[in-house]
């Protein structure tokens, strides 16, 4: 009997240690607050984000990322990468002078892009926007350029509410 209790205790401790390591270094959850990422992510949805992905890789255009800020975290989409020149004219995004399609947005969301004067994104920084461009607080109007070290993960899966469970785009 003692041996069986010892085996169960070891199994539980190992499971807890593995869960702690995964939660601390690999995956975590975040709750979407507000409508800035509508319709891709809705307020109140809980997402799992990958904390390890940017240890071995860099954020890419289109990634939905979690940005750590002193007072709260933000969920935004990476639009411009380091060493690129970004601008928008008549709701069309241009990177280094080339129009960029944003097929994850509807025409209505694209209309909220507006005009953005050309900006050169310095090394190590990123330009982010919410998908609901009309109301999003992002690099255009309050967050500014985002330091790479402030991007703490990439959104992977919506886990709650269960009816919305899916991979994020």
Protein backbone atom coordinates (compact mmCIF):
# COMPACT_ATOMS: atom_id res chain seq x y z
CA UNK A 1 0.00 0.00 0.00
CA UNK A 2 2.82 2.40 0.89
CA UNK A 3 4.50 1.72 -2.43
CA UNK A 4 1.29 2.50 -4.32
CA UNK A 5 0.83 5.80 -2.46
CA UNK A 6 4.46 6.68 -3.19
CA UNK A 7 3.99 5.95 -6.93
CA UNK A 8 0.84 8.08 -7.09
CA UNK A 9 2.58 10.92 -5.23
CA UNK A 10 5.52 10.82 -7.64
CA UNK A 11 3.17 10.85 -10.66
CA UNK A 12 1.21 13.82 -9.30
CA UNK A 13 4.38 15.78 -8.45
CA UNK A 14 5.84 15.13 -11.91
CA UNK A 15 2.57 16.20 -13.57
CA UNK A 16 2.50 19.41 -11.49
CA UNK A 17 6.13 20.21 -12.33
CA UNK A 18 5.48 19.67 -16.06
CA UNK A 19 2.33 21.83 -15.89
CA UNK A 20 4.27 24.58 -14.08
CA UNK A 21 7.07 24.53 -16.67
CA UNK A 22 4.61 24.63 -19.58
CA UNK A 23 2.59 27.45 -17.97
CA UNK A 24 5.67 29.49 -17.10
CA UNK A 25 7.77 29.08 -20.22
CA UNK A 26 5.63 27.80 -23.10
CA UNK A 27 1.89 28.53 -22.95
CA UNK A 28 -0.31 30.95 -21.04
CA UNK A 29 -3.79 32.36 -21.36
CA UNK A 30 -5.03 35.88 -21.85
CA UNK A 31 -8.50 37.42 -21.93
CA UNK A 32 -9.36 39.75 -24.81
CA UNK A 33 -10.62 43.07 -23.44
CA UNK A 34 -12.55 45.45 -25.67
CA UNK A 35 -13.53 45.38 -29.32
CA UNK A 36 -10.23 46.43 -30.93
CA UNK A 37 -9.67 42.98 -32.48
CA UNK A 38 -13.25 42.43 -33.71
CA UNK A 39 -14.24 40.40 -35.63
CA UNK A 40 -11.17 38.13 -35.29
CA UNK A 41 -11.24 38.12 -31.48
CA UNK A 42 -14.19 39.27 -29.41
CA UNK A 43 -14.17 40.89 -25.98
CA UNK A 44 -14.25 38.27 -23.24
CA UNK A 45 -12.71 35.47 -25.29
CA UNK A 46 -9.87 33.60 -23.63
CA UNK A 47 -6.92 32.72 -25.85
CA UNK A 48 -3.90 30.48 -25.36
CA UNK A 49 -0.72 32.17 -26.43
CA UNK A 50 2.63 30.64 -27.21
CA UNK A 51 5.37 32.22 -25.09
CA UNK A 52 8.23 30.16 -26.53
CA UNK A 53 7.75 30.86 -30.24
CA UNK A 54 9.66 34.17 -30.21
CA UNK A 55 12.62 32.72 -28.34
CA UNK A 56 13.60 30.91 -31.54
CA UNK A 57 11.82 33.11 -34.11
CA UNK A 58 10.74 36.71 -34.71
CA UNK A 59 7.19 38.06 -35.02
CA UNK A 60 5.91 38.04 -38.60
CA UNK A 61 3.42 40.27 -40.36
CA UNK A 62 -0.09 39.10 -39.56
CA UNK A 63 0.79 37.44 -36.24
CA UNK A 64 -1.67 38.20 -33.45
CA UNK A 65 0.57 38.99 -30.51
CA UNK A 66 0.34 39.71 -26.79
CA UNK A 67 2.12 42.94 -25.88
CA UNK A 68 3.23 43.47 -22.30
CA UNK A 69 2.72 47.03 -21.08
CA UNK A 70 3.20 48.33 -17.53
CA UNK A 71 -0.52 48.65 -16.72
CA UNK A 72 -2.10 45.99 -18.96
CA UNK A 73 -1.41 43.63 -21.81
CA UNK A 74 -2.69 44.28 -25.33
CA UNK A 75 -3.68 41.88 -28.09
CA UNK A 76 -2.83 43.31 -31.54
CA UNK A 77 -1.78 42.23 -35.01
CA UNK A 78 1.77 42.80 -36.30
CA UNK A 79 1.56 45.03 -39.38
CA UNK A 80 5.08 46.42 -39.88
CA UNK A 81 8.42 44.75 -39.22
CA UNK A 82 11.81 46.20 -38.25
CA UNK A 83 13.61 48.16 -40.98
CA UNK A 84 10.50 48.55 -43.15
CA UNK A 85 8.84 51.76 -44.27
CA UNK A 86 5.11 51.67 -43.62
CA UNK A 87 2.40 54.03 -44.83
CA UNK A 88 -1.30 53.97 -45.64
CA UNK A 89 -3.15 56.00 -48.24
CA UNK A 90 -6.89 55.82 -48.77
CA UNK A 91 -7.16 52.82 -46.44
CA UNK A 92 -4.52 50.82 -48.35
CA UNK A 93 -1.44 49.66 -46.45
CA UNK A 94 1.94 49.99 -48.15
CA UNK A 95 5.17 48.36 -46.99
CA UNK A 96 8.32 49.66 -48.70
CA UNK A 97 6.10 51.19 -51.40
CA UNK A 98 4.23 47.94 -52.20
CA UNK A 99 0.51 47.54 -51.45
CA UNK A 100 -0.08 44.79 -48.91
CA UNK A 101 -3.28 42.74 -48.91
CA UNK A 102 -4.93 42.22 -45.55
CA UNK A 103 -7.31 39.40 -46.38
CA UNK A 104 -8.13 38.84 -42.71
CA UNK A 105 -10.09 42.14 -42.74
CA UNK A 106 -13.42 42.95 -44.33
CA UNK A 107 -13.89 46.08 -46.43
CA UNK A 108 -15.54 47.73 -43.42
CA UNK A 109 -12.48 47.15 -41.19
CA UNK A 110 -10.12 48.28 -43.97
CA UNK A 111 -11.99 51.59 -44.15
CA UNK A 112 -10.84 52.35 -40.62
CA UNK A 113 -7.15 52.21 -41.58
CA UNK A 114 -7.17 55.81 -42.79
CA UNK A 115 -3.97 57.52 -43.85
CA UNK A 116 -0.62 56.97 -42.16
CA UNK A 117 2.32 59.16 -43.08
CA UNK A 118 5.42 57.17 -44.06
CA UNK A 119 7.25 55.87 -41.02
CA UNK A 120 10.53 53.98 -40.94
CA UNK A 121 10.35 51.25 -38.34
CA UNK A 122 13.65 51.06 -36.43
CA UNK A 123 15.51 47.82 -35.84
CA UNK A 124 13.96 45.80 -33.00
CA UNK A 125 10.56 47.51 -33.17
CA UNK A 126 7.18 46.60 -34.64
CA UNK A 127 4.10 48.46 -35.86
CA UNK A 128 0.84 46.92 -34.60
CA UNK A 129 -2.85 47.56 -35.20
CA UNK A 130 -6.12 46.09 -34.06
CA UNK A 131 -8.40 44.53 -36.65
CA UNK A 132 -11.23 46.91 -35.71
CA UNK A 133 -9.28 49.86 -37.08
CA UNK A 134 -11.86 52.53 -36.29
CA UNK A 135 -11.62 52.10 -32.51
CA UNK A 136 -8.30 50.36 -31.88
CA UNK A 137 -5.66 51.90 -29.66
CA UNK A 138 -2.49 50.84 -31.46
CA UNK A 139 0.74 52.10 -33.03
CA UNK A 140 -1.20 54.86 -34.80
CA UNK A 141 -2.67 56.50 -31.72
CA UNK A 142 -1.32 55.69 -28.31
CA UNK A 143 0.85 52.59 -28.20
CA UNK A 144 3.47 53.79 -30.65
CA UNK A 145 6.07 51.41 -31.99
CA UNK A 146 6.43 48.22 -29.96
CA UNK A 147 9.80 46.96 -28.75
CA UNK A 148 10.41 43.34 -29.70
CA UNK A 149 11.06 42.43 -26.06
CA UNK A 150 7.55 43.66 -25.14
CA UNK A 151 5.97 41.07 -27.42
CA UNK A 152 5.56 38.15 -25.04
CA UNK A 153 3.76 35.64 -27.22
CA UNK A 154 1.64 34.75 -30.24
CA UNK A 155 -2.05 33.95 -29.96
CA UNK A 156 -2.72 30.37 -31.03
CA UNK A 157 -6.18 29.17 -29.97
CA UNK A 158 -9.46 30.61 -28.68
CA UNK A 159 -10.43 28.31 -25.80
CA UNK A 160 -13.43 30.12 -24.31
CA UNK A 161 -16.30 30.44 -24.84
CA UNK A 162 -16.30 26.85 -26.03
CA UNK A 163 -18.67 27.69 -28.89
CA UNK A 164 -15.93 29.94 -30.37
CA UNK A 165 -13.08 27.45 -29.92
CA UNK A 166 -10.78 27.73 -32.95
CA UNK A 167 -7.28 28.61 -34.05
CA UNK A 168 -6.56 32.32 -34.35
CA UNK A 169 -5.44 33.66 -37.70
